[in-house]
N, C-alpha and C. Protein backbone atom coordinates (compact mmCIF):
# COMPACT_ATOMS: atom_id res chain seq x y z
N MET A 1 0.85 -1.18 0.00
CA MET A 1 0.00 0.00 0.00
C MET A 1 0.88 1.22 0.00
N ASN A 2 0.77 2.05 -1.02
CA ASN A 2 1.62 3.23 -1.05
C ASN A 2 0.81 4.52 -1.13
N GLU A 3 -0.48 4.43 -1.02
CA GLU A 3 -1.32 5.62 -1.05
C GLU A 3 -2.29 5.59 0.11
N ASN A 4 -2.75 6.76 0.48
CA ASN A 4 -3.77 6.84 1.52
C ASN A 4 -5.12 6.43 0.96
N VAL A 5 -5.89 5.76 1.79
CA VAL A 5 -7.29 5.48 1.47
C VAL A 5 -8.10 6.42 2.33
N GLN A 6 -8.93 7.26 1.72
CA GLN A 6 -9.78 8.18 2.46
C GLN A 6 -11.19 8.05 1.94
N LEU A 7 -12.09 7.70 2.85
CA LEU A 7 -13.50 7.53 2.47
C LEU A 7 -14.38 8.19 3.51
N GLU A 8 -15.58 8.54 3.08
CA GLU A 8 -16.55 9.15 3.97
C GLU A 8 -17.92 8.59 3.64
N ALA A 9 -18.73 8.39 4.69
CA ALA A 9 -20.10 7.93 4.50
C ALA A 9 -20.96 8.57 5.58
N VAL A 10 -22.23 8.79 5.26
CA VAL A 10 -23.18 9.31 6.25
C VAL A 10 -24.24 8.24 6.46
N TYR A 11 -24.48 7.91 7.72
CA TYR A 11 -25.44 6.87 8.09
C TYR A 11 -26.58 7.49 8.88
N PRO A 12 -27.82 7.03 8.65
CA PRO A 12 -28.97 7.57 9.38
C PRO A 12 -29.10 6.92 10.77
N HIS A 13 -28.01 6.92 11.51
CA HIS A 13 -27.95 6.33 12.84
C HIS A 13 -27.17 7.27 13.74
N PRO A 14 -27.46 7.27 15.04
CA PRO A 14 -26.71 8.15 15.95
C PRO A 14 -25.27 7.67 16.10
N PRO A 15 -24.36 8.58 16.45
CA PRO A 15 -22.95 8.21 16.61
C PRO A 15 -22.73 7.05 17.58
N GLU A 16 -23.54 6.96 18.62
CA GLU A 16 -23.38 5.88 19.60
C GLU A 16 -23.56 4.51 18.95
N ARG A 17 -24.48 4.40 18.02
CA ARG A 17 -24.72 3.12 17.34
C ARG A 17 -23.58 2.81 16.38
N VAL A 18 -23.11 3.82 15.66
CA VAL A 18 -22.00 3.61 14.73
C VAL A 18 -20.74 3.23 15.53
N TRP A 19 -20.52 3.90 16.66
CA TRP A 19 -19.39 3.57 17.53
C TRP A 19 -19.45 2.11 17.97
N GLU A 20 -20.63 1.66 18.36
CA GLU A 20 -20.80 0.27 18.78
C GLU A 20 -20.43 -0.69 17.65
N ALA A 21 -20.86 -0.37 16.44
CA ALA A 21 -20.55 -1.24 15.30
C ALA A 21 -19.05 -1.27 15.00
N LEU A 22 -18.33 -0.19 15.35
CA LEU A 22 -16.89 -0.12 15.11
C LEU A 22 -16.06 -0.74 16.23
N THR A 23 -16.62 -0.82 17.44
CA THR A 23 -15.79 -1.19 18.60
C THR A 23 -16.22 -2.46 19.32
N ASP A 24 -17.42 -2.93 19.15
CA ASP A 24 -17.86 -4.16 19.78
C ASP A 24 -17.37 -5.33 18.92
N ALA A 25 -16.61 -6.24 19.51
CA ALA A 25 -16.01 -7.32 18.73
C ALA A 25 -17.04 -8.13 17.96
N GLU A 26 -18.18 -8.43 18.57
CA GLU A 26 -19.20 -9.21 17.87
C GLU A 26 -19.76 -8.44 16.68
N GLN A 27 -20.04 -7.16 16.87
CA GLN A 27 -20.58 -6.34 15.78
C GLN A 27 -19.54 -6.15 14.69
N LEU A 28 -18.32 -5.85 15.09
CA LEU A 28 -17.24 -5.67 14.11
C LEU A 28 -17.04 -6.94 13.30
N GLY A 29 -17.11 -8.07 13.97
CA GLY A 29 -16.98 -9.35 13.28
C GLY A 29 -18.10 -9.63 12.30
N SER A 30 -19.28 -9.03 12.55
CA SER A 30 -20.42 -9.27 11.65
C SER A 30 -20.32 -8.52 10.33
N TRP A 31 -19.59 -7.41 10.31
CA TRP A 31 -19.51 -6.65 9.06
C TRP A 31 -18.11 -6.55 8.47
N LEU A 32 -17.08 -6.85 9.27
CA LEU A 32 -15.73 -6.76 8.73
C LEU A 32 -15.06 -8.13 8.73
N MET A 33 -14.57 -8.57 9.88
CA MET A 33 -13.93 -9.88 10.03
C MET A 33 -14.04 -10.28 11.50
N PRO A 34 -14.07 -11.58 11.78
CA PRO A 34 -14.07 -12.02 13.17
C PRO A 34 -12.84 -11.44 13.89
N THR A 35 -13.05 -11.02 15.15
CA THR A 35 -11.98 -10.33 15.86
C THR A 35 -12.15 -10.46 17.37
N ASP A 36 -11.10 -10.17 18.09
CA ASP A 36 -11.15 -10.10 19.55
C ASP A 36 -10.96 -8.65 20.00
N PHE A 37 -11.29 -7.70 19.16
CA PHE A 37 -11.06 -6.27 19.36
C PHE A 37 -11.70 -5.73 20.64
N LYS A 38 -10.98 -4.82 21.30
CA LYS A 38 -11.50 -4.04 22.43
C LYS A 38 -10.97 -2.62 22.27
N PRO A 39 -11.83 -1.61 22.47
CA PRO A 39 -11.40 -0.23 22.28
C PRO A 39 -10.62 0.32 23.48
N LEU A 40 -9.47 -0.28 23.74
CA LEU A 40 -8.61 0.13 24.86
C LEU A 40 -7.23 0.45 24.30
N ILE A 41 -6.72 1.62 24.63
CA ILE A 41 -5.40 2.01 24.12
C ILE A 41 -4.37 0.96 24.54
N GLY A 42 -3.61 0.50 23.58
CA GLY A 42 -2.58 -0.50 23.82
C GLY A 42 -3.06 -1.93 23.60
N PHE A 43 -4.37 -2.13 23.45
CA PHE A 43 -4.90 -3.48 23.27
C PHE A 43 -4.46 -4.03 21.92
N ARG A 44 -3.88 -5.23 21.96
CA ARG A 44 -3.47 -5.91 20.73
C ARG A 44 -4.58 -6.88 20.32
N PHE A 45 -4.96 -6.82 19.06
CA PHE A 45 -6.06 -7.63 18.57
C PHE A 45 -5.69 -8.24 17.24
N ARG A 46 -6.56 -9.10 16.77
CA ARG A 46 -6.37 -9.68 15.44
C ARG A 46 -7.72 -9.74 14.73
N LEU A 47 -7.64 -9.65 13.44
CA LEU A 47 -8.79 -9.82 12.57
C LEU A 47 -8.52 -11.08 11.77
N ASP A 48 -9.47 -12.00 11.76
CA ASP A 48 -9.28 -13.28 11.08
C ASP A 48 -9.85 -13.22 9.67
N GLN A 49 -8.96 -13.14 8.69
CA GLN A 49 -9.38 -13.11 7.30
C GLN A 49 -9.84 -14.49 6.85
N PRO A 50 -10.76 -14.55 5.90
CA PRO A 50 -11.19 -15.85 5.37
C PRO A 50 -10.03 -16.66 4.80
N SER A 51 -9.00 -15.97 4.32
CA SER A 51 -7.84 -16.67 3.74
C SER A 51 -7.02 -17.39 4.80
N GLY A 52 -7.29 -17.08 6.07
CA GLY A 52 -6.56 -17.72 7.16
C GLY A 52 -5.38 -16.90 7.66
N SER A 53 -4.94 -15.92 6.91
CA SER A 53 -3.85 -15.06 7.32
C SER A 53 -4.41 -13.92 8.17
N PRO A 54 -4.06 -13.84 9.47
CA PRO A 54 -4.65 -12.81 10.31
C PRO A 54 -4.05 -11.43 10.08
N ILE A 55 -4.85 -10.43 10.36
CA ILE A 55 -4.38 -9.05 10.41
C ILE A 55 -4.18 -8.75 11.88
N GLU A 56 -3.01 -8.22 12.22
CA GLU A 56 -2.72 -7.89 13.61
C GLU A 56 -2.80 -6.39 13.79
N GLY A 57 -3.29 -5.96 14.96
CA GLY A 57 -3.41 -4.54 15.21
C GLY A 57 -3.21 -4.21 16.67
N LYS A 58 -3.03 -2.91 16.90
CA LYS A 58 -2.90 -2.39 18.25
C LYS A 58 -3.63 -1.06 18.30
N VAL A 59 -4.51 -0.91 19.29
CA VAL A 59 -5.28 0.33 19.44
C VAL A 59 -4.33 1.43 19.90
N ILE A 60 -4.31 2.55 19.18
CA ILE A 60 -3.40 3.64 19.52
C ILE A 60 -4.12 4.92 19.92
N GLU A 61 -5.42 5.01 19.65
CA GLU A 61 -6.17 6.21 20.04
C GLU A 61 -7.64 5.87 20.20
N VAL A 62 -8.23 6.35 21.29
CA VAL A 62 -9.66 6.16 21.52
C VAL A 62 -10.22 7.44 22.12
N GLU A 63 -11.16 8.04 21.43
CA GLU A 63 -11.95 9.14 21.97
C GLU A 63 -13.39 8.68 21.79
N GLU A 64 -13.94 8.11 22.85
CA GLU A 64 -15.22 7.41 22.76
C GLU A 64 -16.28 8.20 22.00
N GLY A 65 -16.86 7.50 21.03
CA GLY A 65 -17.92 8.07 20.22
C GLY A 65 -17.46 9.05 19.16
N LYS A 66 -16.14 9.35 19.10
CA LYS A 66 -15.67 10.36 18.16
C LYS A 66 -14.51 9.92 17.27
N ARG A 67 -13.53 9.22 17.86
CA ARG A 67 -12.31 8.90 17.10
C ARG A 67 -11.71 7.59 17.60
N LEU A 68 -11.26 6.79 16.63
CA LEU A 68 -10.64 5.51 16.93
C LEU A 68 -9.49 5.32 15.94
N ALA A 69 -8.33 4.91 16.44
CA ALA A 69 -7.20 4.65 15.55
C ALA A 69 -6.47 3.40 16.03
N TYR A 70 -6.01 2.62 15.05
CA TYR A 70 -5.24 1.43 15.38
C TYR A 70 -4.28 1.10 14.26
N THR A 71 -3.25 0.32 14.62
CA THR A 71 -2.32 -0.14 13.61
C THR A 71 -2.95 -1.32 12.88
N TRP A 72 -2.44 -1.59 11.71
CA TRP A 72 -2.97 -2.65 10.84
C TRP A 72 -1.76 -3.31 10.19
N LYS A 73 -1.48 -4.53 10.56
CA LYS A 73 -0.32 -5.24 9.99
C LYS A 73 -0.83 -6.46 9.25
N GLU A 74 -0.64 -6.42 7.95
CA GLU A 74 -1.13 -7.49 7.08
C GLU A 74 0.00 -7.96 6.17
N GLU A 75 0.37 -9.24 6.31
CA GLU A 75 1.43 -9.84 5.50
C GLU A 75 2.70 -8.99 5.53
N GLY A 76 3.07 -8.52 6.71
CA GLY A 76 4.30 -7.76 6.89
C GLY A 76 4.20 -6.28 6.59
N GLU A 77 3.11 -5.84 5.99
CA GLU A 77 2.95 -4.42 5.67
C GLU A 77 2.21 -3.73 6.82
N GLU A 78 2.74 -2.59 7.25
CA GLU A 78 2.14 -1.86 8.36
C GLU A 78 1.47 -0.59 7.89
N SER A 79 0.32 -0.32 8.49
CA SER A 79 -0.42 0.89 8.18
C SER A 79 -1.24 1.27 9.41
N ILE A 80 -1.93 2.39 9.31
CA ILE A 80 -2.76 2.88 10.41
C ILE A 80 -4.15 3.16 9.87
N VAL A 81 -5.15 2.73 10.64
CA VAL A 81 -6.56 2.97 10.31
C VAL A 81 -7.10 3.97 11.32
N VAL A 82 -7.75 5.03 10.81
CA VAL A 82 -8.32 6.06 11.68
C VAL A 82 -9.78 6.26 11.30
N TRP A 83 -10.66 6.18 12.30
CA TRP A 83 -12.09 6.42 12.13
C TRP A 83 -12.45 7.71 12.87
N ASN A 84 -13.21 8.59 12.23
CA ASN A 84 -13.74 9.78 12.88
C ASN A 84 -15.25 9.79 12.70
N LEU A 85 -15.96 10.05 13.79
CA LEU A 85 -17.42 10.11 13.77
C LEU A 85 -17.86 11.53 14.10
N GLU A 86 -18.83 12.02 13.37
CA GLU A 86 -19.36 13.35 13.59
C GLU A 86 -20.88 13.30 13.49
N ALA A 87 -21.55 13.77 14.54
CA ALA A 87 -23.02 13.84 14.51
C ALA A 87 -23.44 14.89 13.49
N THR A 88 -24.45 14.54 12.68
CA THR A 88 -25.00 15.48 11.72
C THR A 88 -26.52 15.45 11.84
N SER A 89 -27.18 16.34 11.15
CA SER A 89 -28.65 16.34 11.18
C SER A 89 -29.21 15.07 10.53
N GLU A 90 -28.40 14.42 9.66
CA GLU A 90 -28.83 13.19 9.00
C GLU A 90 -28.51 11.95 9.83
N GLY A 91 -27.65 12.07 10.83
CA GLY A 91 -27.24 10.91 11.63
C GLY A 91 -25.78 11.03 12.02
N THR A 92 -24.91 10.28 11.32
CA THR A 92 -23.48 10.29 11.63
C THR A 92 -22.66 10.30 10.36
N ARG A 93 -21.72 11.23 10.30
CA ARG A 93 -20.74 11.23 9.21
C ARG A 93 -19.54 10.45 9.72
N LEU A 94 -19.18 9.41 9.00
CA LEU A 94 -18.06 8.55 9.36
C LEU A 94 -16.97 8.71 8.31
N THR A 95 -15.77 9.05 8.76
CA THR A 95 -14.65 9.13 7.83
C THR A 95 -13.63 8.05 8.21
N LEU A 96 -13.06 7.47 7.20
CA LEU A 96 -12.05 6.44 7.34
C LEU A 96 -10.80 6.89 6.61
N GLU A 97 -9.68 6.77 7.29
CA GLU A 97 -8.40 7.01 6.63
C GLU A 97 -7.51 5.82 6.95
N HIS A 98 -6.97 5.21 5.92
CA HIS A 98 -6.06 4.07 6.05
C HIS A 98 -4.77 4.49 5.38
N VAL A 99 -3.73 4.71 6.18
CA VAL A 99 -2.48 5.27 5.66
C VAL A 99 -1.31 4.33 5.91
N PRO A 100 -0.40 4.25 4.96
CA PRO A 100 0.76 3.38 5.15
C PRO A 100 1.74 3.98 6.15
N VAL A 101 2.41 3.10 6.89
CA VAL A 101 3.47 3.54 7.78
C VAL A 101 4.75 3.64 6.97
N GLU A 102 4.91 2.74 6.03
CA GLU A 102 6.09 2.70 5.19
C GLU A 102 5.63 2.29 3.79
N GLU A 103 6.15 2.93 2.79
CA GLU A 103 5.70 2.64 1.43
C GLU A 103 6.48 1.49 0.83
N PRO A 104 5.81 0.34 0.56
CA PRO A 104 6.49 -0.76 -0.13
C PRO A 104 6.48 -0.53 -1.65
N ALA A 105 7.19 -1.35 -2.36
CA ALA A 105 7.29 -1.22 -3.81
C ALA A 105 6.00 -1.62 -4.52
N VAL A 106 5.20 -2.50 -3.94
CA VAL A 106 3.98 -2.97 -4.59
C VAL A 106 2.93 -1.87 -4.53
N THR A 107 2.28 -1.57 -5.67
CA THR A 107 1.32 -0.47 -5.71
C THR A 107 -0.12 -0.90 -5.86
N CYS A 108 -0.39 -2.15 -6.19
CA CYS A 108 -1.77 -2.57 -6.43
C CYS A 108 -2.55 -2.78 -5.14
N LEU A 109 -1.90 -2.90 -3.99
CA LEU A 109 -2.60 -3.15 -2.74
C LEU A 109 -3.49 -1.99 -2.32
N ALA A 110 -3.07 -0.75 -2.57
CA ALA A 110 -3.87 0.40 -2.17
C ALA A 110 -5.23 0.37 -2.86
N LEU A 111 -5.25 0.06 -4.13
CA LEU A 111 -6.50 -0.01 -4.87
C LEU A 111 -7.40 -1.11 -4.32
N ASN A 112 -6.81 -2.27 -4.03
CA ASN A 112 -7.57 -3.38 -3.47
C ASN A 112 -8.14 -3.01 -2.10
N MET A 113 -7.32 -2.40 -1.23
CA MET A 113 -7.82 -1.99 0.09
C MET A 113 -8.91 -0.94 -0.03
N TYR A 114 -8.75 -0.01 -0.98
CA TYR A 114 -9.76 1.02 -1.19
C TYR A 114 -11.12 0.39 -1.47
N PHE A 115 -11.16 -0.58 -2.38
CA PHE A 115 -12.43 -1.20 -2.73
C PHE A 115 -12.96 -2.07 -1.60
N ASN A 116 -12.07 -2.72 -0.84
CA ASN A 116 -12.54 -3.50 0.31
C ASN A 116 -13.15 -2.59 1.37
N TRP A 117 -12.48 -1.48 1.71
CA TRP A 117 -13.04 -0.54 2.70
C TRP A 117 -14.32 0.11 2.14
N ARG A 118 -14.32 0.45 0.88
CA ARG A 118 -15.50 1.08 0.29
C ARG A 118 -16.70 0.14 0.40
N TYR A 119 -16.50 -1.15 0.10
CA TYR A 119 -17.58 -2.12 0.23
C TYR A 119 -18.05 -2.21 1.68
N ALA A 120 -17.09 -2.28 2.60
CA ALA A 120 -17.45 -2.38 4.02
C ALA A 120 -18.27 -1.17 4.47
N LEU A 121 -17.87 0.04 4.08
CA LEU A 121 -18.59 1.24 4.51
C LEU A 121 -19.94 1.39 3.83
N ARG A 122 -20.06 0.93 2.60
CA ARG A 122 -21.31 1.13 1.87
C ARG A 122 -22.27 -0.05 1.96
N ARG A 123 -21.79 -1.24 2.29
CA ARG A 123 -22.66 -2.42 2.33
C ARG A 123 -22.69 -3.09 3.71
N SER A 124 -21.54 -3.57 4.17
CA SER A 124 -21.50 -4.38 5.39
C SER A 124 -21.87 -3.58 6.64
N LEU A 125 -21.25 -2.41 6.83
CA LEU A 125 -21.53 -1.62 8.02
C LEU A 125 -22.98 -1.13 8.07
N PRO A 126 -23.58 -0.64 6.98
CA PRO A 126 -24.99 -0.25 7.06
C PRO A 126 -25.90 -1.41 7.49
N ARG A 127 -25.63 -2.61 6.99
CA ARG A 127 -26.45 -3.76 7.41
C ARG A 127 -26.28 -4.03 8.90
N ALA A 128 -25.06 -3.94 9.39
CA ALA A 128 -24.82 -4.14 10.83
C ALA A 128 -25.52 -3.07 11.65
N LEU A 129 -25.50 -1.84 11.18
CA LEU A 129 -26.17 -0.75 11.90
C LEU A 129 -27.68 -0.97 11.97
N TRP A 130 -28.27 -1.43 10.88
CA TRP A 130 -29.71 -1.70 10.89
C TRP A 130 -30.04 -2.88 11.80
N ARG A 131 -29.17 -3.90 11.83
CA ARG A 131 -29.39 -5.01 12.77
C ARG A 131 -29.35 -4.50 14.20
N LEU A 132 -28.39 -3.63 14.50
CA LEU A 132 -28.31 -3.05 15.83
C LEU A 132 -29.56 -2.23 16.15
N ALA A 133 -30.05 -1.49 15.16
CA ALA A 133 -31.23 -0.65 15.38
C ALA A 133 -32.46 -1.49 15.71
N LEU A 134 -32.52 -2.71 15.19
CA LEU A 134 -33.67 -3.57 15.44
C LEU A 134 -33.57 -4.32 16.76
N GLN A 135 -32.39 -4.30 17.39
CA GLN A 135 -32.22 -4.97 18.67
C GLN A 135 -32.73 -4.09 19.80
N ALA A 136 -32.29 -4.38 21.00
CA ALA A 136 -32.72 -3.64 22.20
C ALA A 136 -32.50 -2.15 22.01
N PRO A 137 -33.26 -1.34 22.75
CA PRO A 137 -33.12 0.11 22.63
C PRO A 137 -31.68 0.57 22.88
N LEU A 138 -31.29 1.61 22.19
CA LEU A 138 -29.96 2.16 22.30
C LEU A 138 -29.78 2.77 23.68
N VAL A 139 -28.69 2.42 24.36
CA VAL A 139 -28.36 3.01 25.64
C VAL A 139 -27.23 3.98 25.41
N VAL A 140 -27.44 5.25 25.77
CA VAL A 140 -26.44 6.27 25.58
C VAL A 140 -25.80 6.56 26.92
N PHE A 141 -24.49 6.49 26.97
CA PHE A 141 -23.75 6.78 28.19
C PHE A 141 -23.30 8.23 28.16
N ALA A 142 -23.62 8.94 29.20
CA ALA A 142 -23.22 10.37 29.23
C ALA A 142 -21.95 10.55 30.01
């Protein structure tokens, strides 16, 4: 990956619900990949790809309901994933930035990651958010 991936989507759900879909291991596993993720700074987690090769990560920033960042190590390549949530009149604006830590010589990975993240933001995550919306009432922590 030698280029930044930057995407934005607006969901008709409150930031608390989008945050849950990004940080709850069961929810994250339902729309991205099975994981043992916890939104705790320093927590090391893994995402289990269908190919069997895990993605390893470490949480590096958590601002509950607003910002989440973690490292992403896949097949020796390191990058950082950053999520920003912003409440809007339509619901929540979610921005994703996936940036390389070091630029490798291979250039086709950025395009592949772009389309994988784009699919996740436009298809998988909205379905997970609607499933959450149909479950128990949303509990907002102040």
